[in-house]
Amino acid sequence: MLGYVLPIVIIVVSNVFYNIVTKSTPSDANPFASLFLTYLSAALVAGILMFFQSPHKSLSSMFHGVNWTGAVLGLTIVGLEFGYITAYRAGWNISVGSLVANILLAVILVPVGLLLYKESITLNQCIGILLCIAGLVFINKR
């Protein structure tokens, strides 16, 4: 059970800090300079953790099996983080901006899961999706 729940807890806790830090990025800071520092520190931490996870493997064997997904993930994360920085600078509240983005993301990933990964969807999930869409309307209604 812990192996199932712990990753979600890590995601949620990390996302809370992610949004707080992103919202706190100074408005006069170059967003790409900030992202450069972000990825420099992320590379350092990932490099250290890579050796702790596989202490007896060679560097080349650690990269065995790595493919194009790592590079494309890096590109998409830059877009994600630049999007959040600019959304907060444009005036989105931390309580609403992330919520709207994540609800839209979840709704868009439903057809992705159905079409690309042959996932199935239940009636209850369809009702939940409709409620999320209704929530977006209410959240953004002025």
N, C-alpha and C. Protein backbone atom coordinates (compact mmCIF):
# COMPACT_ATOMS: atom_id res chain seq x y z
N MET A 1 0.82 -1.20 0.00
CA MET A 1 0.00 0.00 0.00
C MET A 1 0.87 1.26 0.00
N LEU A 2 1.93 1.26 0.80
CA LEU A 2 2.81 2.41 0.87
C LEU A 2 3.46 2.70 -0.49
N GLY A 3 3.83 1.65 -1.19
CA GLY A 3 4.43 1.80 -2.51
C GLY A 3 3.47 2.40 -3.52
N TYR A 4 2.18 2.30 -3.25
CA TYR A 4 1.15 2.85 -4.12
C TYR A 4 0.84 4.30 -3.76
N VAL A 5 0.79 4.60 -2.48
CA VAL A 5 0.41 5.93 -1.99
C VAL A 5 1.60 6.89 -1.94
N LEU A 6 2.76 6.41 -1.53
CA LEU A 6 3.92 7.27 -1.36
C LEU A 6 4.26 8.11 -2.60
N PRO A 7 4.24 7.54 -3.81
CA PRO A 7 4.55 8.38 -4.97
C PRO A 7 3.57 9.55 -5.14
N ILE A 8 2.31 9.33 -4.84
CA ILE A 8 1.32 10.41 -4.94
C ILE A 8 1.59 11.48 -3.89
N VAL A 9 1.96 11.06 -2.69
CA VAL A 9 2.30 12.01 -1.63
C VAL A 9 3.52 12.85 -2.07
N ILE A 10 4.52 12.19 -2.63
CA ILE A 10 5.71 12.92 -3.12
C ILE A 10 5.31 13.92 -4.19
N ILE A 11 4.44 13.52 -5.12
CA ILE A 11 3.99 14.42 -6.19
C ILE A 11 3.26 15.62 -5.60
N VAL A 12 2.36 15.38 -4.68
CA VAL A 12 1.56 16.47 -4.11
C VAL A 12 2.46 17.42 -3.32
N VAL A 13 3.30 16.88 -2.45
CA VAL A 13 4.18 17.74 -1.65
C VAL A 13 5.13 18.52 -2.57
N SER A 14 5.69 17.86 -3.55
CA SER A 14 6.59 18.54 -4.49
C SER A 14 5.85 19.63 -5.27
N ASN A 15 4.62 19.34 -5.67
CA ASN A 15 3.84 20.33 -6.41
C ASN A 15 3.48 21.54 -5.56
N VAL A 16 3.22 21.32 -4.28
CA VAL A 16 2.93 22.45 -3.39
C VAL A 16 4.14 23.38 -3.36
N PHE A 17 5.31 22.82 -3.10
CA PHE A 17 6.52 23.64 -3.06
C PHE A 17 6.85 24.22 -4.44
N TYR A 18 6.62 23.44 -5.48
CA TYR A 18 6.86 23.90 -6.85
C TYR A 18 6.08 25.18 -7.12
N ASN A 19 4.78 25.17 -6.80
CA ASN A 19 3.94 26.34 -7.07
C ASN A 19 4.29 27.52 -6.17
N ILE A 20 4.63 27.26 -4.92
CA ILE A 20 5.04 28.35 -4.03
C ILE A 20 6.31 29.01 -4.54
N VAL A 21 7.29 28.20 -4.91
CA VAL A 21 8.57 28.73 -5.39
C VAL A 21 8.39 29.44 -6.73
N THR A 22 7.59 28.85 -7.62
CA THR A 22 7.37 29.47 -8.92
C THR A 22 6.67 30.81 -8.78
N LYS A 23 5.67 30.86 -7.92
CA LYS A 23 4.96 32.12 -7.68
C LYS A 23 5.89 33.15 -7.03
N SER A 24 6.89 32.69 -6.29
CA SER A 24 7.83 33.59 -5.60
C SER A 24 8.99 34.03 -6.47
N THR A 25 9.11 33.52 -7.69
CA THR A 25 10.19 33.93 -8.58
C THR A 25 10.04 35.43 -8.86
N PRO A 26 11.09 36.21 -8.62
CA PRO A 26 10.99 37.66 -8.79
C PRO A 26 10.53 38.03 -10.20
N SER A 27 9.64 39.00 -10.29
CA SER A 27 9.08 39.39 -11.59
C SER A 27 10.12 40.03 -12.50
N ASP A 28 11.19 40.57 -11.93
CA ASP A 28 12.22 41.18 -12.77
C ASP A 28 13.33 40.20 -13.15
N ALA A 29 13.24 38.97 -12.67
CA ALA A 29 14.25 37.96 -13.02
C ALA A 29 13.95 37.39 -14.40
N ASN A 30 14.99 37.19 -15.17
CA ASN A 30 14.84 36.53 -16.47
C ASN A 30 14.36 35.11 -16.21
N PRO A 31 13.20 34.72 -16.74
CA PRO A 31 12.68 33.39 -16.43
C PRO A 31 13.60 32.26 -16.90
N PHE A 32 14.31 32.48 -17.99
CA PHE A 32 15.19 31.43 -18.48
C PHE A 32 16.47 31.33 -17.67
N ALA A 33 16.93 32.44 -17.09
CA ALA A 33 18.07 32.38 -16.17
C ALA A 33 17.66 31.61 -14.93
N SER A 34 16.44 31.85 -14.47
CA SER A 34 15.92 31.12 -13.31
C SER A 34 15.80 29.63 -13.63
N LEU A 35 15.29 29.32 -14.82
CA LEU A 35 15.17 27.92 -15.22
C LEU A 35 16.54 27.26 -15.38
N PHE A 36 17.52 28.01 -15.87
CA PHE A 36 18.88 27.48 -16.00
C PHE A 36 19.41 27.06 -14.63
N LEU A 37 19.23 27.92 -13.64
CA LEU A 37 19.65 27.59 -12.28
C LEU A 37 18.85 26.41 -11.73
N THR A 38 17.57 26.38 -12.06
CA THR A 38 16.70 25.27 -11.64
C THR A 38 17.26 23.94 -12.16
N TYR A 39 17.58 23.90 -13.44
CA TYR A 39 18.03 22.65 -14.02
C TYR A 39 19.46 22.31 -13.65
N LEU A 40 20.25 23.30 -13.37
CA LEU A 40 21.60 23.04 -12.89
C LEU A 40 21.53 22.33 -11.53
N SER A 41 20.69 22.86 -10.65
CA SER A 41 20.55 22.21 -9.33
C SER A 41 19.85 20.86 -9.47
N ALA A 42 18.88 20.75 -10.37
CA ALA A 42 18.19 19.46 -10.57
C ALA A 42 19.16 18.41 -11.12
N ALA A 43 20.03 18.83 -12.04
CA ALA A 43 21.01 17.89 -12.60
C ALA A 43 21.97 17.40 -11.52
N LEU A 44 22.37 18.30 -10.66
CA LEU A 44 23.27 17.93 -9.57
C LEU A 44 22.60 16.91 -8.63
N VAL A 45 21.38 17.20 -8.23
CA VAL A 45 20.66 16.29 -7.32
C VAL A 45 20.40 14.95 -8.01
N ALA A 46 19.94 15.00 -9.27
CA ALA A 46 19.67 13.75 -10.00
C ALA A 46 20.94 12.93 -10.18
N GLY A 47 22.06 13.61 -10.46
CA GLY A 47 23.33 12.90 -10.61
C GLY A 47 23.76 12.22 -9.33
N ILE A 48 23.60 12.89 -8.21
CA ILE A 48 23.96 12.30 -6.91
C ILE A 48 23.04 11.12 -6.61
N LEU A 49 21.73 11.30 -6.80
CA LEU A 49 20.77 10.23 -6.50
C LEU A 49 20.95 9.03 -7.43
N MET A 50 21.37 9.29 -8.67
CA MET A 50 21.62 8.20 -9.61
C MET A 50 22.68 7.25 -9.06
N PHE A 51 23.73 7.81 -8.46
CA PHE A 51 24.79 6.97 -7.91
C PHE A 51 24.35 6.25 -6.63
N PHE A 52 23.49 6.87 -5.84
CA PHE A 52 22.97 6.20 -4.64
C PHE A 52 22.04 5.05 -4.99
N GLN A 53 21.27 5.21 -6.08
CA GLN A 53 20.35 4.15 -6.47
C GLN A 53 21.08 2.95 -7.05
N SER A 54 22.17 3.20 -7.72
CA SER A 54 22.93 2.12 -8.36
C SER A 54 24.42 2.26 -8.03
N PRO A 55 24.81 2.08 -6.77
CA PRO A 55 26.18 2.38 -6.37
C PRO A 55 27.25 1.47 -6.99
N HIS A 56 26.86 0.30 -7.44
CA HIS A 56 27.86 -0.65 -7.94
C HIS A 56 27.85 -0.76 -9.47
N LYS A 57 27.14 0.12 -10.12
CA LYS A 57 27.07 0.09 -11.58
C LYS A 57 28.00 1.15 -12.16
N SER A 58 28.44 0.89 -13.38
CA SER A 58 29.26 1.89 -14.07
C SER A 58 28.35 2.98 -14.63
N LEU A 59 28.96 4.10 -14.93
CA LEU A 59 28.21 5.23 -15.46
C LEU A 59 27.51 4.84 -16.77
N SER A 60 28.21 4.13 -17.63
CA SER A 60 27.62 3.74 -18.92
C SER A 60 26.44 2.78 -18.72
N SER A 61 26.53 1.89 -17.74
CA SER A 61 25.41 0.96 -17.51
C SER A 61 24.20 1.68 -16.91
N MET A 62 24.44 2.78 -16.18
CA MET A 62 23.32 3.55 -15.64
C MET A 62 22.52 4.21 -16.76
N PHE A 63 23.20 4.56 -17.84
CA PHE A 63 22.52 5.21 -18.96
C PHE A 63 22.01 4.20 -19.99
N HIS A 64 22.28 2.92 -19.78
CA HIS A 64 21.77 1.89 -20.69
C HIS A 64 20.24 1.88 -20.61
N GLY A 65 19.59 1.90 -21.72
CA GLY A 65 18.13 1.88 -21.75
C GLY A 65 17.50 3.27 -21.79
N VAL A 66 18.31 4.30 -21.58
CA VAL A 66 17.80 5.66 -21.68
C VAL A 66 17.64 5.98 -23.17
N ASN A 67 16.52 6.62 -23.52
CA ASN A 67 16.29 6.92 -24.93
C ASN A 67 15.87 8.38 -25.10
N TRP A 68 15.18 8.66 -26.15
CA TRP A 68 14.76 10.01 -26.51
C TRP A 68 13.85 10.65 -25.46
N THR A 69 13.20 9.84 -24.63
CA THR A 69 12.21 10.39 -23.70
C THR A 69 12.82 11.36 -22.69
N GLY A 70 14.06 11.13 -22.28
CA GLY A 70 14.70 12.03 -21.33
C GLY A 70 14.88 13.42 -21.91
N ALA A 71 15.32 13.51 -23.15
CA ALA A 71 15.52 14.81 -23.79
C ALA A 71 14.19 15.52 -24.03
N VAL A 72 13.19 14.78 -24.50
CA VAL A 72 11.89 15.39 -24.76
C VAL A 72 11.22 15.81 -23.45
N LEU A 73 11.40 15.02 -22.40
CA LEU A 73 10.87 15.40 -21.09
C LEU A 73 11.50 16.71 -20.63
N GLY A 74 12.79 16.87 -20.85
CA GLY A 74 13.45 18.12 -20.50
C GLY A 74 12.85 19.31 -21.23
N LEU A 75 12.57 19.15 -22.51
CA LEU A 75 11.96 20.23 -23.29
C LEU A 75 10.56 20.55 -22.78
N THR A 76 9.79 19.52 -22.47
CA THR A 76 8.41 19.76 -22.01
C THR A 76 8.40 20.39 -20.62
N ILE A 77 9.35 20.03 -19.79
CA ILE A 77 9.40 20.62 -18.44
C ILE A 77 9.74 22.10 -18.52
N VAL A 78 10.62 22.47 -19.44
CA VAL A 78 10.93 23.89 -19.60
C VAL A 78 9.64 24.63 -20.00
N GLY A 79 8.88 24.07 -20.92
CA GLY A 79 7.62 24.69 -21.31
C GLY A 79 6.64 24.78 -20.16
N LEU A 80 6.55 23.73 -19.38
CA LEU A 80 5.66 23.70 -18.22
C LEU A 80 6.04 24.78 -17.21
N GLU A 81 7.30 24.84 -16.88
CA GLU A 81 7.74 25.80 -15.87
C GLU A 81 7.68 27.23 -16.38
N PHE A 82 8.04 27.45 -17.64
CA PHE A 82 7.91 28.79 -18.20
C PHE A 82 6.44 29.21 -18.22
N GLY A 83 5.57 28.27 -18.53
CA GLY A 83 4.13 28.55 -18.51
C GLY A 83 3.65 28.98 -17.14
N TYR A 84 4.06 28.26 -16.11
CA TYR A 84 3.65 28.63 -14.74
C TYR A 84 4.23 29.99 -14.33
N ILE A 85 5.50 30.22 -14.63
CA ILE A 85 6.11 31.51 -14.28
C ILE A 85 5.33 32.65 -14.95
N THR A 86 5.06 32.52 -16.24
CA THR A 86 4.37 33.59 -16.95
C THR A 86 2.90 33.68 -16.52
N ALA A 87 2.27 32.57 -16.17
CA ALA A 87 0.88 32.63 -15.69
C ALA A 87 0.80 33.41 -14.38
N TYR A 88 1.72 33.12 -13.47
CA TYR A 88 1.72 33.85 -12.20
C TYR A 88 2.06 35.33 -12.41
N ARG A 89 2.96 35.61 -13.32
CA ARG A 89 3.30 37.01 -13.62
C ARG A 89 2.13 37.73 -14.29
N ALA A 90 1.30 36.97 -15.00
CA ALA A 90 0.13 37.56 -15.66
C ALA A 90 -1.01 37.82 -14.68
N GLY A 91 -0.85 37.32 -13.44
CA GLY A 91 -1.85 37.63 -12.43
C GLY A 91 -2.67 36.47 -11.91
N TRP A 92 -2.41 35.27 -12.39
CA TRP A 92 -3.15 34.12 -11.88
C TRP A 92 -2.83 33.94 -10.40
N ASN A 93 -3.85 33.68 -9.60
CA ASN A 93 -3.65 33.36 -8.19
C ASN A 93 -3.10 31.95 -8.08
N ILE A 94 -2.27 31.72 -7.07
CA ILE A 94 -1.68 30.39 -6.87
C ILE A 94 -2.78 29.36 -6.59
N SER A 95 -3.87 29.80 -5.96
CA SER A 95 -4.95 28.88 -5.61
C SER A 95 -5.80 28.50 -6.81
N VAL A 96 -5.80 29.30 -7.85
CA VAL A 96 -6.66 29.04 -9.00
C VAL A 96 -5.87 28.60 -10.23
N GLY A 97 -4.73 29.23 -10.48
CA GLY A 97 -3.96 28.92 -11.69
C GLY A 97 -3.58 27.46 -11.81
N SER A 98 -3.03 26.92 -10.75
CA SER A 98 -2.63 25.52 -10.78
C SER A 98 -3.85 24.60 -10.88
N LEU A 99 -4.91 24.97 -10.19
CA LEU A 99 -6.14 24.16 -10.24
C LEU A 99 -6.70 24.10 -11.65
N VAL A 100 -6.80 25.26 -12.30
CA VAL A 100 -7.32 25.30 -13.67
C VAL A 100 -6.42 24.50 -14.60
N ALA A 101 -5.12 24.71 -14.50
CA ALA A 101 -4.18 23.99 -15.38
C ALA A 101 -4.27 22.48 -15.17
N ASN A 102 -4.35 22.05 -13.92
CA ASN A 102 -4.38 20.61 -13.64
C ASN A 102 -5.70 19.96 -14.00
N ILE A 103 -6.80 20.68 -13.86
CA ILE A 103 -8.09 20.12 -14.29
C ILE A 103 -8.10 19.98 -15.81
N LEU A 104 -7.65 21.04 -16.51
CA LEU A 104 -7.57 20.95 -17.96
C LEU A 104 -6.66 19.81 -18.40
N LEU A 105 -5.53 19.68 -17.73
CA LEU A 105 -4.60 18.59 -18.03
C LEU A 105 -5.28 17.24 -17.86
N ALA A 106 -5.96 17.06 -16.75
CA ALA A 106 -6.62 15.77 -16.48
C ALA A 106 -7.68 15.46 -17.53
N VAL A 107 -8.45 16.46 -17.92
CA VAL A 107 -9.49 16.25 -18.93
C VAL A 107 -8.88 15.91 -20.28
N ILE A 108 -7.79 16.58 -20.64
CA ILE A 108 -7.12 16.30 -21.92
C ILE A 108 -6.46 14.92 -21.91
N LEU A 109 -5.96 14.49 -20.76
CA LEU A 109 -5.30 13.18 -20.69
C LEU A 109 -6.27 12.00 -20.77
N VAL A 110 -7.55 12.25 -20.59
CA VAL A 110 -8.53 11.15 -20.72
C VAL A 110 -8.52 10.58 -22.13
N PRO A 111 -8.71 11.40 -23.17
CA PRO A 111 -8.64 10.80 -24.52
C PRO A 111 -7.25 10.27 -24.87
N VAL A 112 -6.21 10.88 -24.32
CA VAL A 112 -4.86 10.37 -24.55
C VAL A 112 -4.75 8.95 -23.99
N GLY A 113 -5.24 8.75 -22.77
CA GLY A 113 -5.22 7.41 -22.16
C GLY A 113 -6.05 6.41 -22.95
N LEU A 114 -7.21 6.87 -23.43
CA LEU A 114 -8.08 5.98 -24.20
C LEU A 114 -7.46 5.59 -25.54
N LEU A 115 -6.93 6.60 -26.25
CA LEU A 115 -6.43 6.35 -27.60
C LEU A 115 -5.03 5.74 -27.65
N LEU A 116 -4.12 6.25 -26.85
CA LEU A 116 -2.73 5.78 -26.93
C LEU A 116 -2.43 4.58 -26.05
N TYR A 117 -3.11 4.49 -24.91
CA TYR A 117 -2.76 3.44 -23.95
C TYR A 117 -3.87 2.44 -23.72
N LYS A 118 -4.94 2.55 -24.51
CA LYS A 118 -6.06 1.58 -24.46
C LYS A 118 -6.65 1.45 -23.06
N GLU A 119 -6.65 2.57 -22.30
CA GLU A 119 -7.28 2.57 -20.99
C GLU A 119 -8.79 2.60 -21.18
N SER A 120 -9.50 2.26 -20.14
CA SER A 120 -10.96 2.31 -20.21
C SER A 120 -11.46 3.38 -19.24
N ILE A 121 -12.69 3.77 -19.43
CA ILE A 121 -13.27 4.80 -18.58
C ILE A 121 -14.66 4.33 -18.14
N THR A 122 -14.97 4.57 -16.88
CA THR A 122 -16.25 4.14 -16.33
C THR A 122 -17.25 5.29 -16.35
N LEU A 123 -18.50 4.97 -16.11
CA LEU A 123 -19.54 5.99 -16.04
C LEU A 123 -19.24 6.98 -14.91
N ASN A 124 -18.80 6.47 -13.77
CA ASN A 124 -18.46 7.36 -12.65
C ASN A 124 -17.34 8.33 -13.03
N GLN A 125 -16.36 7.85 -13.77
CA GLN A 125 -15.28 8.72 -14.21
C GLN A 125 -15.79 9.78 -15.19
N CYS A 126 -16.71 9.40 -16.07
CA CYS A 126 -17.31 10.37 -17.00
C CYS A 126 -18.05 11.46 -16.23
N ILE A 127 -18.78 11.07 -15.21
CA ILE A 127 -19.49 12.04 -14.38
C ILE A 127 -18.49 12.95 -13.68
N GLY A 128 -17.40 12.39 -13.16
CA GLY A 128 -16.36 13.19 -12.52
C GLY A 128 -15.74 14.19 -13.48
N ILE A 129 -15.50 13.77 -14.72
CA ILE A 129 -14.94 14.67 -15.74
C ILE A 129 -15.89 15.82 -16.01
N LEU A 130 -17.17 15.52 -16.13
CA LEU A 130 -18.16 16.57 -16.36
C LEU A 130 -18.21 17.54 -15.18
N LEU A 131 -18.10 17.01 -13.97
CA LEU A 131 -18.07 17.87 -12.79
C LEU A 131 -16.82 18.76 -12.79
N CYS A 132 -15.69 18.21 -13.22
CA CYS A 132 -14.46 19.01 -13.33
C CYS A 132 -14.64 20.15 -14.33
N ILE A 133 -15.23 19.84 -15.47
CA ILE A 133 -15.46 20.87 -16.48
C ILE A 133 -16.42 21.93 -15.93
N ALA A 134 -17.46 21.49 -15.23
CA ALA A 134 -18.39 22.44 -14.61
C ALA A 134 -17.64 23.29 -13.58
N GLY A 135 -16.74 22.67 -12.84
CA GLY A 135 -15.94 23.40 -11.86
C GLY A 135 -15.10 24.47 -12.52
N LEU A 136 -14.53 24.17 -13.68
CA LEU A 136 -13.74 25.17 -14.41
C LEU A 136 -14.59 26.38 -14.78
N VAL A 137 -15.83 26.11 -15.19
CA VAL A 137 -16.73 27.21 -15.53
C VAL A 137 -16.98 28.08 -14.31
N PHE A 138 -17.28 27.45 -13.17
CA PHE A 138 -17.56 28.23 -11.95
C PHE A 138 -16.34 28.96 -11.42
N ILE A 139 -15.18 28.31 -11.48
CA ILE A 139 -13.95 28.93 -10.98
C ILE A 139 -13.59 30.19 -11.76
N ASN A 140 -13.83 30.15 -13.06
CA ASN A 140 -13.43 31.25 -13.92
C ASN A 140 -14.53 32.26 -14.20
N LYS A 141 -15.72 32.02 -13.67
CA LYS A 141 -16.84 32.94 -13.88
C LYS A 141 -16.64 34.19 -13.02
N ARG A 142 -16.77 35.32 -13.64
CA ARG A 142 -16.55 36.58 -12.92
C ARG A 142 -17.85 37.26 -12.65
